[in-house]
Amino acid sequence: MSWDRATRVDARDFSCWIQLTVKPRRQATRSAASAGVAVRRPGMPNRVTGKPTPGIGYAPATVAHSETVLRGFYDFHRDAGSGPILNPFPLDVSRRAGRAHAHHNPMHQWSHERVGRYRPVVARRIPRAIPDERFNELFVALPSNRDRALVAFWISTGVRAAELLGVRQCDMDPGQQLITVVRKGSRAMQQVPASTDAFVWLRLYQEELRGKLPRGRIRPVWWTLRQPLRPLTYHAAHRMFERANADLGANWTLHDLRHSAATRMARDPQLTLTDVQWVLGHAHLTTTELYLTPTRDEVVTGVLAHHARQANRRDEPTPSAPAPGYDPQSLSVLFGRTV
């Protein structure tokens, strides 16, 4: 049916259908399977990262994002007078009337105001960071100085992939180890500190481009490696990272580099959590607090160490209490115990 004739019954049916349907598979997966390349079944965890492969259906986060986009689309056309008067994707019944946060307890966190009626429940996921030893393997697999410079900036600054790809020559300040990025949400310009290694790899990459590009302070920093040289896009950088993952059999993403940088900074006792919040550009401190949550590997390692300590404690002989009238220190000296 036409989009401007959709009703809430149609929106409800669509929300149910997208949670039950099987999403179409990419042609690349079919060609890989026909060529004899091992393709993991949907939902199986990766042997290197532990992250599950995409399932046969749409993820709850994808469904929730779809509902948000559609609700905003119909809100825009309702206000412009070019669409239905009633939004087919309404808000939850509890939020349709009344003042927002009318009985909010100041000791509790703020709840989400805009919850769609047909929006699925999305589990709160712990950000997954790349372990240091795995990151070293990934960094070695990168084929060019440009790729090493990109990954070094991502892992040291914690900026988003698109934010780094949008920097210009004038946004680089090696003297102060700062780069200027345009934030995704607010579109505000912010200087972010980077590591020394990142600027070293950047200089090596710039030497390779000497004489191949016209100079200019407003020209992009990142370019393609193939001729003709073009500004590097997000999809090209994503494919570069996928090729490096394929050499290791991993499925890390570019956004995992941001999670890794945030986890490293949050675990540093010399950095406050507000400093990490400022570098990452988070609007709320509760978002930054997610990086204080221990990962699955850290919990497993800690619990196994706990069991080992308990086993050693059971194996140690328990000293018997001395009989009344004996000096415990004299008995310790007599039997060679530590006083």
C-alpha atoms as a PDB file:
ATOM      1  CA  MET A   1       0.000   0.000   0.000  1.00  0.00           C
ATOM      2  CA  SER A   2       1.010   3.616  -0.269  1.00  0.00           C
ATOM      3  CA  TRP A   3       3.052   4.893   2.672  1.00  0.00           C
ATOM      4  CA  ASP A   4       0.599   7.731   3.395  1.00  0.00           C
ATOM      5  CA  ARG A   5      -2.279   5.259   3.830  1.00  0.00           C
ATOM      6  CA  ALA A   6      -0.606   3.085   6.461  1.00  0.00           C
ATOM      7  CA  THR A   7      -2.537   2.598   9.707  1.00  0.00           C
ATOM      8  CA  ARG A   8      -1.485   1.429  13.135  1.00  0.00           C
ATOM      9  CA  VAL A   9      -2.663  -2.070  12.294  1.00  0.00           C
ATOM     10  CA  ASP A  10      -0.249  -2.102   9.352  1.00  0.00           C
ATOM     11  CA  ALA A  11       2.553  -0.764  11.547  1.00  0.00           C
ATOM     12  CA  ARG A  12       1.876  -3.465  14.144  1.00  0.00           C
ATOM     13  CA  ASP A  13       1.931  -6.173  11.479  1.00  0.00           C
ATOM     14  CA  PHE A  14       5.180  -4.817  10.061  1.00  0.00           C
ATOM     15  CA  SER A  15       6.780  -4.757  13.515  1.00  0.00           C
ATOM     16  CA  CYS A  16       5.772  -8.391  14.067  1.00  0.00           C
ATOM     17  CA  TRP A  17       6.920  -9.441  10.596  1.00  0.00           C
ATOM     18  CA  ILE A  18      10.400  -7.914  10.844  1.00  0.00           C
ATOM     19  CA  GLN A  19      11.028  -9.794  14.090  1.00  0.00           C
ATOM     20  CA  LEU A  20      10.024 -13.163  12.567  1.00  0.00           C
ATOM     21  CA  THR A  21      11.217 -12.989   8.967  1.00  0.00           C
ATOM     22  CA  VAL A  22      14.476 -14.403   7.626  1.00  0.00           C
ATOM     23  CA  LYS A  23      16.665 -11.651   6.227  1.00  0.00           C
ATOM     24  CA  PRO A  24      18.131 -12.140   2.728  1.00  0.00           C
ATOM     25  CA  ARG A  25      21.702 -13.394   2.595  1.00  0.00           C
ATOM     26  CA  ARG A  26      24.407 -11.475   0.845  1.00  0.00           C
ATOM     27  CA  GLN A  27      25.695 -12.690  -2.493  1.00  0.00           C
ATOM     28  CA  ALA A  28      29.246 -12.757  -1.141  1.00  0.00           C
ATOM     29  CA  THR A  29      28.314 -15.434   1.393  1.00  0.00           C
ATOM     30  CA  ARG A  30      26.782 -17.637  -1.303  1.00  0.00           C
ATOM     31  CA  SER A  31      29.806 -17.280  -3.578  1.00  0.00           C
ATOM     32  CA  ALA A  32      32.156 -18.110  -0.709  1.00  0.00           C
ATOM     33  CA  ALA A  33      30.207 -21.248   0.093  1.00  0.00           C
ATOM     34  CA  SER A  34      30.188 -22.317  -3.568  1.00  0.00           C
ATOM     35  CA  ALA A  35      33.958 -21.802  -3.774  1.00  0.00           C
ATOM     36  CA  GLY A  36      34.569 -24.178  -0.894  1.00  0.00           C
ATOM     37  CA  VAL A  37      35.411 -21.529   1.707  1.00  0.00           C
ATOM     38  CA  ALA A  38      34.261 -22.448   5.209  1.00  0.00           C
ATOM     39  CA  VAL A  39      31.312 -20.268   6.179  1.00  0.00           C
ATOM     40  CA  ARG A  40      30.201 -20.281   9.804  1.00  0.00           C
ATOM     41  CA  ARG A  41      26.597 -21.024  10.551  1.00  0.00           C
ATOM     42  CA  PRO A  42      24.497 -18.073  11.716  1.00  0.00           C
ATOM     43  CA  GLY A  43      24.784 -17.450  15.432  1.00  0.00           C
ATOM     44  CA  MET A  44      28.004 -19.438  15.930  1.00  0.00           C
ATOM     45  CA  PRO A  45      30.669 -17.616  17.977  1.00  0.00           C
ATOM     46  CA  ASN A  46      33.912 -16.683  16.298  1.00  0.00           C
ATOM     47  CA  ARG A  47      36.860 -18.773  17.496  1.00  0.00           C
ATOM     48  CA  VAL A  48      39.112 -15.704  17.864  1.00  0.00           C
ATOM     49  CA  THR A  49      36.825 -12.970  19.168  1.00  0.00           C
ATOM     50  CA  GLY A  50      33.999 -14.961  20.723  1.00  0.00           C
ATOM     51  CA  LYS A  51      31.476 -12.675  19.031  1.00  0.00           C
ATOM     52  CA  PRO A  52      28.539 -14.506  17.439  1.00  0.00           C
ATOM     53  CA  THR A  53      28.075 -14.276  13.705  1.00  0.00           C
ATOM     54  CA  PRO A  54      24.895 -12.563  12.463  1.00  0.00           C
ATOM     55  CA  GLY A  55      21.805 -14.748  12.785  1.00  0.00           C
ATOM     56  CA  ILE A  56      19.222 -15.598  10.169  1.00  0.00           C
ATOM     57  CA  GLY A  57      16.878 -12.855  11.367  1.00  0.00           C
ATOM     58  CA  TYR A  58      17.183  -9.183  12.130  1.00  0.00           C
ATOM     59  CA  ALA A  59      18.786  -8.313  15.457  1.00  0.00           C
ATOM     60  CA  PRO A  60      16.637  -6.613  18.128  1.00  0.00           C
ATOM     61  CA  ALA A  61      18.797  -3.489  17.815  1.00  0.00           C
ATOM     62  CA  THR A  62      18.069  -3.352  14.077  1.00  0.00           C
ATOM     63  CA  VAL A  63      14.338  -3.762  14.677  1.00  0.00           C
ATOM     64  CA  ALA A  64      14.360  -1.026  17.329  1.00  0.00           C
ATOM     65  CA  HIS A  65      16.285   1.311  15.027  1.00  0.00           C
ATOM     66  CA  SER A  66      13.807   0.650  12.232  1.00  0.00           C
ATOM     67  CA  GLU A  67      10.905   1.541  14.508  1.00  0.00           C
ATOM     68  CA  THR A  68      12.587   4.774  15.573  1.00  0.00           C
ATOM     69  CA  VAL A  69      13.303   5.823  11.992  1.00  0.00           C
ATOM     70  CA  LEU A  70       9.755   5.104  10.846  1.00  0.00           C
ATOM     71  CA  ARG A  71       8.233   6.949  13.786  1.00  0.00           C
ATOM     72  CA  GLY A  72      10.404   9.984  13.093  1.00  0.00           C
ATOM     73  CA  PHE A  73       9.542   9.803   9.385  1.00  0.00           C
ATOM     74  CA  TYR A  74       5.804   9.907  10.050  1.00  0.00           C
ATOM     75  CA  ASP A  75       6.227  12.626  12.703  1.00  0.00           C
ATOM     76  CA  PHE A  76       7.957  14.807  10.120  1.00  0.00           C
ATOM     77  CA  HIS A  77       5.216  14.364   7.502  1.00  0.00           C
ATOM     78  CA  ARG A  78       2.486  14.834  10.097  1.00  0.00           C
ATOM     79  CA  ASP A  79       3.942  18.197  11.122  1.00  0.00           C
ATOM     80  CA  ALA A  80       4.423  19.174   7.476  1.00  0.00           C
ATOM     81  CA  GLY A  81       0.841  18.200   6.621  1.00  0.00           C
ATOM     82  CA  SER A  82       1.919  15.766   3.912  1.00  0.00           C
ATOM     83  CA  GLY A  83       1.185  12.506   5.715  1.00  0.00           C
ATOM     84  CA  PRO A  84      -1.318  10.780   8.006  1.00  0.00           C
ATOM     85  CA  ILE A  85      -2.714  12.784  10.883  1.00  0.00           C
ATOM     86  CA  LEU A  86      -2.106   9.870  13.264  1.00  0.00           C
ATOM     87  CA  ASN A  87       1.374   8.390  13.398  1.00  0.00           C
ATOM     88  CA  PRO A  88       1.162   4.645  12.571  1.00  0.00           C
ATOM     89  CA  PHE A  89       4.062   4.085  15.006  1.00  0.00           C
ATOM     90  CA  PRO A  90       2.815   5.722  18.226  1.00  0.00           C
ATOM     91  CA  LEU A  91       4.541   6.112  21.542  1.00  0.00           C
ATOM     92  CA  ASP A  92       3.890   3.786  24.425  1.00  0.00           C
ATOM     93  CA  VAL A  93       0.517   4.118  26.133  1.00  0.00           C
ATOM     94  CA  SER A  94       2.168   5.255  29.365  1.00  0.00           C
ATOM     95  CA  ARG A  95       3.788   8.193  27.549  1.00  0.00           C
ATOM     96  CA  ARG A  96       0.872   9.363  25.428  1.00  0.00           C
ATOM     97  CA  ALA A  97      -0.378  11.761  28.065  1.00  0.00           C
ATOM     98  CA  GLY A  98       0.947  13.533  31.110  1.00  0.00           C
ATOM     99  CA  ARG A  99       4.046  15.529  31.828  1.00  0.00           C
ATOM    100  CA  ALA A 100       7.378  13.866  31.251  1.00  0.00           C
ATOM    101  CA  HIS A 101       9.224  12.916  34.475  1.00  0.00           C
ATOM    102  CA  ALA A 102       6.326  14.178  36.606  1.00  0.00           C
ATOM    103  CA  HIS A 103       7.272  11.924  39.542  1.00  0.00           C
ATOM    104  CA  HIS A 104      10.965  11.464  38.887  1.00  0.00           C
ATOM    105  CA  ASN A 105      13.085  10.574  41.896  1.00  0.00           C
ATOM    106  CA  PRO A 106      16.278  12.701  41.721  1.00  0.00           C
ATOM    107  CA  MET A 107      18.242   9.779  43.220  1.00  0.00           C
ATOM    108  CA  HIS A 108      17.409   7.530  40.244  1.00  0.00           C
ATOM    109  CA  GLN A 109      18.572   7.660  36.650  1.00  0.00           C
ATOM    110  CA  TRP A 110      16.539   9.354  33.947  1.00  0.00           C
ATOM    111  CA  SER A 111      14.397   6.945  31.950  1.00  0.00           C
ATOM    112  CA  HIS A 112      13.926   7.073  28.195  1.00  0.00           C
ATOM    113  CA  GLU A 113      11.095   9.412  27.253  1.00  0.00           C
ATOM    114  CA  ARG A 114      10.340   8.227  23.732  1.00  0.00           C
ATOM    115  CA  VAL A 115       9.487   4.520  23.851  1.00  0.00           C
ATOM    116  CA  GLY A 116       7.531   3.225  20.891  1.00  0.00           C
ATOM    117  CA  ARG A 117       4.563   0.943  21.401  1.00  0.00           C
ATOM    118  CA  TYR A 118       5.873  -1.557  18.841  1.00  0.00           C
ATOM    119  CA  ARG A 119       9.528  -1.213  19.836  1.00  0.00           C
ATOM    120  CA  PRO A 120      11.141  -4.491  21.001  1.00  0.00           C
ATOM    121  CA  VAL A 121      13.144  -4.775  24.194  1.00  0.00           C
ATOM    122  CA  VAL A 122      16.868  -4.488  23.481  1.00  0.00           C
ATOM    123  CA  ALA A 123      19.225  -6.103  25.957  1.00  0.00           C
ATOM    124  CA  ARG A 124      21.910  -3.863  27.407  1.00  0.00           C
ATOM    125  CA  ARG A 125      25.153  -5.117  25.930  1.00  0.00           C
ATOM    126  CA  ILE A 126      28.601  -4.753  27.449  1.00  0.00           C
ATOM    127  CA  PRO A 127      31.034  -3.052  25.038  1.00  0.00           C
ATOM    128  CA  ARG A 128      33.483  -5.637  23.730  1.00  0.00           C
ATOM    129  CA  ALA A 129      37.105  -4.518  23.643  1.00  0.00           C
ATOM    130  CA  ILE A 130      39.955  -6.128  21.713  1.00  0.00           C
ATOM    131  CA  PRO A 131      42.512  -7.744  24.054  1.00  0.00           C
ATOM    132  CA  ASP A 132      46.026  -6.344  23.817  1.00  0.00           C
ATOM    133  CA  GLU A 133      47.561  -9.528  22.434  1.00  0.00           C
ATOM    134  CA  ARG A 134      44.847  -9.813  19.784  1.00  0.00           C
ATOM    135  CA  PHE A 135      45.259  -6.171  18.872  1.00  0.00           C
ATOM    136  CA  ASN A 136      48.988  -6.692  18.327  1.00  0.00           C
ATOM    137  CA  GLU A 137      48.232  -9.553  15.940  1.00  0.00           C
ATOM    138  CA  LEU A 138      45.695  -7.404  14.110  1.00  0.00           C
ATOM    139  CA  PHE A 139      48.096  -4.482  13.828  1.00  0.00           C
ATOM    140  CA  VAL A 140      50.808  -6.704  12.347  1.00  0.00           C
ATOM    141  CA  ALA A 141      48.343  -7.943   9.702  1.00  0.00           C
ATOM    142  CA  LEU A 142      47.772  -4.418   8.357  1.00  0.00           C
ATOM    143  CA  PRO A 143      49.466  -4.100   4.945  1.00  0.00           C
ATOM    144  CA  SER A 144      50.226  -0.351   4.629  1.00  0.00           C
ATOM    145  CA  ASN A 145      51.358   2.655   6.646  1.00  0.00           C
ATOM    146  CA  ARG A 146      48.028   4.334   5.945  1.00  0.00           C
ATOM    147  CA  ASP A 147      46.134   1.493   7.579  1.00  0.00           C
ATOM    148  CA  ARG A 148      48.526   1.433  10.537  1.00  0.00           C
ATOM    149  CA  ALA A 149      48.100   5.177  11.011  1.00  0.00           C
ATOM    150  CA  LEU A 150      44.308   4.884  10.903  1.00  0.00           C
ATOM    151  CA  VAL A 151      44.174   2.068  13.442  1.00  0.00           C
ATOM    152  CA  ALA A 152      46.719   3.813  15.686  1.00  0.00           C
ATOM    153  CA  PHE A 153      44.548   6.942  15.770  1.00  0.00           C
ATOM    154  CA  TRP A 154      41.366   4.946  16.384  1.00  0.00           C
ATOM    155  CA  ILE A 155      42.857   2.959  19.262  1.00  0.00           C
ATOM    156  CA  SER A 156      44.471   5.992  20.930  1.00  0.00           C
ATOM    157  CA  THR A 157      41.764   8.646  20.531  1.00  0.00           C
ATOM    158  CA  GLY A 158      38.556   6.612  20.727  1.00  0.00           C
ATOM    159  CA  VAL A 159      36.896   8.718  18.018  1.00  0.00           C
ATOM    160  CA  ARG A 160      34.352   7.154  15.713  1.00  0.00           C
ATOM    161  CA  ALA A 161      35.458   5.818  12.356  1.00  0.00           C
ATOM    162  CA  ALA A 162      33.634   8.471  10.334  1.00  0.00           C
ATOM    163  CA  GLU A 163      34.931  11.253  12.584  1.00  0.00           C
ATOM    164  CA  LEU A 164      38.549  10.343  11.891  1.00  0.00           C
ATOM    165  CA  LEU A 165      37.996   9.883   8.163  1.00  0.00           C
ATOM    166  CA  GLY A 166      36.624  13.422   7.938  1.00  0.00           C
ATOM    167  CA  VAL A 167      39.702  15.226   9.270  1.00  0.00           C
ATOM    168  CA  ARG A 168      41.636  17.641   7.040  1.00  0.00           C
ATOM    169  CA  GLN A 169      45.292  18.588   6.883  1.00  0.00           C
ATOM    170  CA  CYS A 170      44.688  21.645   9.067  1.00  0.00           C
ATOM    171  CA  ASP A 171      43.071  19.455  11.740  1.00  0.00           C
ATOM    172  CA  MET A 172      46.358  17.674  12.518  1.00  0.00           C
ATOM    173  CA  ASP A 173      48.588  19.224  15.205  1.00  0.00           C
ATOM    174  CA  PRO A 174      51.610  16.928  15.724  1.00  0.00           C
ATOM    175  CA  GLY A 175      53.353  19.487  17.952  1.00  0.00           C
ATOM    176  CA  GLN A 176      50.676  19.197  20.640  1.00  0.00           C
ATOM    177  CA  GLN A 177      49.596  15.646  19.666  1.00  0.00           C
ATOM    178  CA  LEU A 178      46.049  16.814  18.956  1.00  0.00           C
ATOM    179  CA  ILE A 179      43.585  16.169  16.159  1.00  0.00           C
ATOM    180  CA  THR A 180      40.366  18.097  15.543  1.00  0.00           C
ATOM    181  CA  VAL A 181      37.248  16.075  14.724  1.00  0.00           C
ATOM    182  CA  VAL A 182      33.609  16.956  14.109  1.00  0.00           C
ATOM    183  CA  ARG A 183      31.433  15.083  16.571  1.00  0.00           C
ATOM    184  CA  LYS A 184      28.721  12.872  15.157  1.00  0.00           C
ATOM    185  CA  GLY A 185      25.751  14.060  17.181  1.00  0.00           C
ATOM    186  CA  SER A 186      26.340  17.705  18.043  1.00  0.00           C
ATOM    187  CA  ARG A 187      28.483  18.472  14.953  1.00  0.00           C
ATOM    188  CA  ALA A 188      30.769  20.413  17.283  1.00  0.00           C
ATOM    189  CA  MET A 189      34.504  20.597  16.607  1.00  0.00           C
ATOM    190  CA  GLN A 190      36.641  19.093  19.358  1.00  0.00           C
ATOM    191  CA  GLN A 191      40.364  18.560  19.806  1.00  0.00           C
ATOM    192  CA  VAL A 192      41.285  15.060  20.948  1.00  0.00           C
ATOM    193  CA  PRO A 193      44.749  13.914  22.098  1.00  0.00           C
ATOM    194  CA  ALA A 194      46.421  11.063  20.219  1.00  0.00           C
ATOM    195  CA  SER A 195      49.452   8.875  20.847  1.00  0.00           C
ATOM    196  CA  THR A 196      52.944   9.530  19.556  1.00  0.00           C
ATOM    197  CA  ASP A 197      52.945   6.292  17.559  1.00  0.00           C
ATOM    198  CA  ALA A 198      49.894   7.431  15.623  1.00  0.00           C
ATOM    199  CA  PHE A 199      51.663  10.571  14.429  1.00  0.00           C
ATOM    200  CA  VAL A 200      54.762   8.552  13.516  1.00  0.00           C
ATOM    201  CA  TRP A 201      52.708   6.261  11.254  1.00  0.00           C
ATOM    202  CA  LEU A 202      50.926   9.317   9.861  1.00  0.00           C
ATOM    203  CA  ARG A 203      54.262  10.903   8.914  1.00  0.00           C
ATOM    204  CA  LEU A 204      55.393   7.714   7.156  1.00  0.00           C
ATOM    205  CA  TYR A 205      52.119   7.656   5.232  1.00  0.00           C
ATOM    206  CA  GLN A 206      52.444  11.320   4.256  1.00  0.00           C
ATOM    207  CA  GLU A 207      55.949  10.724   2.924  1.00  0.00           C
ATOM    208  CA  GLU A 208      54.563   8.076   0.592  1.00  0.00           C
ATOM    209  CA  LEU A 209      52.109  10.643  -0.817  1.00  0.00           C
ATOM    210  CA  ARG A 210      54.708  13.382  -1.301  1.00  0.00           C
ATOM    211  CA  GLY A 211      54.378  14.804  -4.810  1.00  0.00           C
ATOM    212  CA  LYS A 212      51.308  12.718  -5.668  1.00  0.00           C
ATOM    213  CA  LEU A 213      48.669  15.131  -4.362  1.00  0.00           C
ATOM    214  CA  PRO A 214      48.336  18.915  -4.492  1.00  0.00           C
ATOM    215  CA  ARG A 215      48.924  20.598  -1.182  1.00  0.00           C
ATOM    216  CA  GLY A 216      46.207  22.374   0.741  1.00  0.00           C
ATOM    217  CA  ARG A 217      45.245  22.860   4.363  1.00  0.00           C
ATOM    218  CA  ILE A 218      41.616  21.948   3.746  1.00  0.00           C
ATOM    219  CA  ARG A 219      42.363  18.813   1.733  1.00  0.00           C
ATOM    220  CA  PRO A 220      41.539  15.409   3.289  1.00  0.00           C
ATOM    221  CA  VAL A 221      44.204  13.473   5.158  1.00  0.00           C
ATOM    222  CA  TRP A 222      43.159   9.973   4.140  1.00  0.00           C
ATOM    223  CA  TRP A 223      43.222   8.818   0.506  1.00  0.00           C
ATOM    224  CA  THR A 224      42.841   5.540  -1.331  1.00  0.00           C
ATOM    225  CA  LEU A 225      45.935   3.541  -2.250  1.00  0.00           C
ATOM    226  CA  ARG A 226      44.837   2.747  -5.794  1.00  0.00           C
ATOM    227  CA  GLN A 227      44.966   5.126  -8.719  1.00  0.00           C
ATOM    228  CA  PRO A 228      43.267   7.463  -9.281  1.00  0.00           C
ATOM    229  CA  LEU A 229      43.659   8.718  -5.713  1.00  0.00           C
ATOM    230  CA  ARG A 230      40.321   9.573  -4.096  1.00  0.00           C
ATOM    231  CA  PRO A 231      39.339  10.544  -0.535  1.00  0.00           C
ATOM    232  CA  LEU A 232      38.944   7.449   1.607  1.00  0.00           C
ATOM    233  CA  THR A 233      35.320   6.661   2.469  1.00  0.00           C
ATOM    234  CA  TYR A 234      33.905   4.742   5.399  1.00  0.00           C
ATOM    235  CA  HIS A 235      32.995   1.719   3.284  1.00  0.00           C
ATOM    236  CA  ALA A 236      36.532   1.493   1.882  1.00  0.00           C
ATOM    237  CA  ALA A 237      38.016   1.658   5.393  1.00  0.00           C
ATOM    238  CA  HIS A 238      35.539  -0.979   6.519  1.00  0.00           C
ATOM    239  CA  ARG A 239      36.641  -3.315   3.721  1.00  0.00           C
ATOM    240  CA  MET A 240      40.289  -2.720   4.652  1.00  0.00           C
ATOM    241  CA  PHE A 241      39.559  -3.773   8.228  1.00  0.00           C
ATOM    242  CA  GLU A 242      37.600  -6.802   7.040  1.00  0.00           C
ATOM    243  CA  ARG A 243      40.571  -8.012   4.984  1.00  0.00           C
ATOM    244  CA  ALA A 244      42.855  -7.731   8.013  1.00  0.00           C
ATOM    245  CA  ASN A 245      40.295  -9.686  10.057  1.00  0.00           C
ATOM    246  CA  ALA A 246      40.113 -12.390   7.403  1.00  0.00           C
ATOM    247  CA  ASP A 247      43.848 -13.094   7.759  1.00  0.00           C
ATOM    248  CA  LEU A 248      43.312 -13.822  11.460  1.00  0.00           C
ATOM    249  CA  GLY A 249      39.906 -15.472  11.205  1.00  0.00           C
ATOM    250  CA  ALA A 250      38.394 -12.750  13.407  1.00  0.00           C
ATOM    251  CA  ASN A 251      35.310 -10.554  13.089  1.00  0.00           C
ATOM    252  CA  TRP A 252      36.313  -7.365  14.889  1.00  0.00           C
ATOM    253  CA  THR A 253      34.667  -4.160  13.697  1.00  0.00           C
ATOM    254  CA  LEU A 254      35.864  -0.593  13.423  1.00  0.00           C
ATOM    255  CA  HIS A 255      33.645   0.382  16.340  1.00  0.00           C
ATOM    256  CA  ASP A 256      35.395  -2.219  18.505  1.00  0.00           C
ATOM    257  CA  LEU A 257      38.484  -0.019  18.260  1.00  0.00           C
ATOM    258  CA  ARG A 258      36.516   2.781  19.925  1.00  0.00           C
ATOM    259  CA  HIS A 259      35.379   0.357  22.644  1.00  0.00           C
ATOM    260  CA  SER A 260      38.975  -0.799  23.129  1.00  0.00           C
ATOM    261  CA  ALA A 261      40.268   2.750  23.495  1.00  0.00           C
ATOM    262  CA  ALA A 262      37.516   3.600  25.971  1.00  0.00           C
ATOM    263  CA  THR A 263      38.204   0.467  28.021  1.00  0.00           C
ATOM    264  CA  ARG A 264      41.926   1.216  28.186  1.00  0.00           C
ATOM    265  CA  MET A 265      41.320   4.773  29.365  1.00  0.00           C
ATOM    266  CA  ALA A 266      38.600   3.788  31.836  1.00  0.00           C
ATOM    267  CA  ARG A 267      40.860   1.174  33.468  1.00  0.00           C
ATOM    268  CA  ASP A 268      43.710   3.679  33.928  1.00  0.00           C
ATOM    269  CA  PRO A 269      43.694   4.818  37.593  1.00  0.00           C
ATOM    270  CA  GLN A 270      45.405   8.085  36.616  1.00  0.00           C
ATOM    271  CA  LEU A 271      42.442   9.124  34.429  1.00  0.00           C
ATOM    272  CA  THR A 272      39.118  10.159  35.896  1.00  0.00           C
ATOM    273  CA  LEU A 273      35.885   8.939  34.379  1.00  0.00           C
ATOM    274  CA  THR A 274      34.920  12.494  33.464  1.00  0.00           C
ATOM    275  CA  ASP A 275      38.124  12.782  31.424  1.00  0.00           C
ATOM    276  CA  VAL A 276      37.181   9.651  29.512  1.00  0.00           C
ATOM    277  CA  GLN A 277      33.659  11.024  29.003  1.00  0.00           C
ATOM    278  CA  TRP A 278      35.064  14.227  27.491  1.00  0.00           C
ATOM    279  CA  VAL A 279      37.415  12.392  25.123  1.00  0.00           C
ATOM    280  CA  LEU A 280      34.669  10.046  23.912  1.00  0.00           C
ATOM    281  CA  GLY A 281      32.137  12.852  23.549  1.00  0.00           C
ATOM    282  CA  HIS A 282      29.444  11.164  25.659  1.00  0.00           C
ATOM    283  CA  ALA A 283      26.540  13.353  26.729  1.00  0.00           C
ATOM    284  CA  HIS A 284      25.888  11.346  29.917  1.00  0.00           C
ATOM    285  CA  LEU A 285      28.338   9.857  32.380  1.00  0.00           C
ATOM    286  CA  THR A 286      26.224   6.708  32.638  1.00  0.00           C
ATOM    287  CA  THR A 287      27.223   5.858  29.066  1.00  0.00           C
ATOM    288  CA  THR A 288      30.904   6.019  29.990  1.00  0.00           C
ATOM    289  CA  GLU A 289      30.335   3.878  33.088  1.00  0.00           C
ATOM    290  CA  LEU A 290      29.605   0.901  30.834  1.00  0.00           C
ATOM    291  CA  TYR A 291      33.328   0.584  30.192  1.00  0.00           C
ATOM    292  CA  LEU A 292      33.943  -0.130  33.875  1.00  0.00           C
ATOM    293  CA  THR A 293      31.997  -3.378  33.598  1.00  0.00           C
ATOM    294  CA  PRO A 294      34.371  -6.381  33.509  1.00  0.00           C
ATOM    295  CA  THR A 295      34.340  -8.494  30.388  1.00  0.00           C
ATOM    296  CA  ARG A 296      33.497 -12.173  30.222  1.00  0.00           C
ATOM    297  CA  ASP A 297      37.143 -13.189  29.949  1.00  0.00           C
ATOM    298  CA  GLU A 298      38.096 -11.096  32.970  1.00  0.00           C
ATOM    299  CA  VAL A 299      35.298 -12.609  35.047  1.00  0.00           C
ATOM    300  CA  VAL A 300      36.221 -16.158  34.009  1.00  0.00           C
ATOM    301  CA  THR A 301      39.898 -15.571  34.804  1.00  0.00           C
ATOM    302  CA  GLY A 302      39.072 -14.086  38.199  1.00  0.00           C
ATOM    303  CA  VAL A 303      36.694 -16.897  39.185  1.00  0.00           C
ATOM    304  CA  LEU A 304      39.169 -19.591  38.105  1.00  0.00           C
ATOM    305  CA  ALA A 305      41.851 -17.908  40.205  1.00  0.00           C
ATOM    306  CA  HIS A 306      39.412 -17.900  43.106  1.00  0.00           C
ATOM    307  CA  HIS A 307      38.849 -21.650  42.756  1.00  0.00           C
ATOM    308  CA  ALA A 308      42.627 -22.232  42.657  1.00  0.00           C
ATOM    309  CA  ARG A 309      43.087 -20.261  45.875  1.00  0.00           C
ATOM    310  CA  GLN A 310      40.315 -22.225  47.535  1.00  0.00           C
ATOM    311  CA  ALA A 311      41.917 -25.534  46.492  1.00  0.00           C
ATOM    312  CA  ASN A 312      45.326 -24.470  47.853  1.00  0.00           C
ATOM    313  CA  ARG A 313      43.722 -23.381  51.091  1.00  0.00           C
ATOM    314  CA  ARG A 314      42.076 -26.781  51.556  1.00  0.00           C
ATOM    315  CA  ASP A 315      45.399 -28.569  50.937  1.00  0.00           C
ATOM    316  CA  GLU A 316      47.204 -26.578  53.632  1.00  0.00           C
ATOM    317  CA  PRO A 317      47.303 -28.317  57.028  1.00  0.00           C
ATOM    318  CA  THR A 318      45.272 -26.613  59.681  1.00  0.00           C
ATOM    319  CA  PRO A 319      47.336 -26.103  62.840  1.00  0.00           C
ATOM    320  CA  SER A 320      45.694 -27.609  65.888  1.00  0.00           C
ATOM    321  CA  ALA A 321      45.098 -25.448  68.902  1.00  0.00           C
ATOM    322  CA  PRO A 322      47.646 -26.013  71.701  1.00  0.00           C
ATOM    323  CA  ALA A 323      46.553 -27.535  74.966  1.00  0.00           C
ATOM    324  CA  PRO A 324      45.862 -25.173  77.837  1.00  0.00           C
ATOM    325  CA  GLY A 325      48.977 -24.039  79.617  1.00  0.00           C
ATOM    326  CA  TYR A 326      51.379 -24.091  76.608  1.00  0.00           C
ATOM    327  CA  ASP A 327      52.808 -20.960  75.077  1.00  0.00           C
ATOM    328  CA  PRO A 328      51.859 -20.768  71.336  1.00  0.00           C
ATOM    329  CA  GLN A 329      55.102 -18.929  70.471  1.00  0.00           C
ATOM    330  CA  SER A 330      57.243 -21.584  72.123  1.00  0.00           C
ATOM    331  CA  LEU A 331      55.420 -24.323  70.194  1.00  0.00           C
ATOM    332  CA  SER A 332      55.970 -22.439  66.931  1.00  0.00           C
ATOM    333  CA  VAL A 333      59.711 -22.278  67.578  1.00  0.00           C
ATOM    334  CA  LEU A 334      59.779 -25.930  68.571  1.00  0.00           C
ATOM    335  CA  PHE A 335      57.975 -27.208  65.473  1.00  0.00           C
ATOM    336  CA  GLY A 336      59.512 -24.734  63.018  1.00  0.00           C
ATOM    337  CA  ARG A 337      56.379 -22.730  62.350  1.00  0.00           C
ATOM    338  CA  THR A 338      56.418 -19.117  61.252  1.00  0.00           C
ATOM    339  CA  VAL A 339      55.864 -16.860  64.206  1.00  0.00           C
END
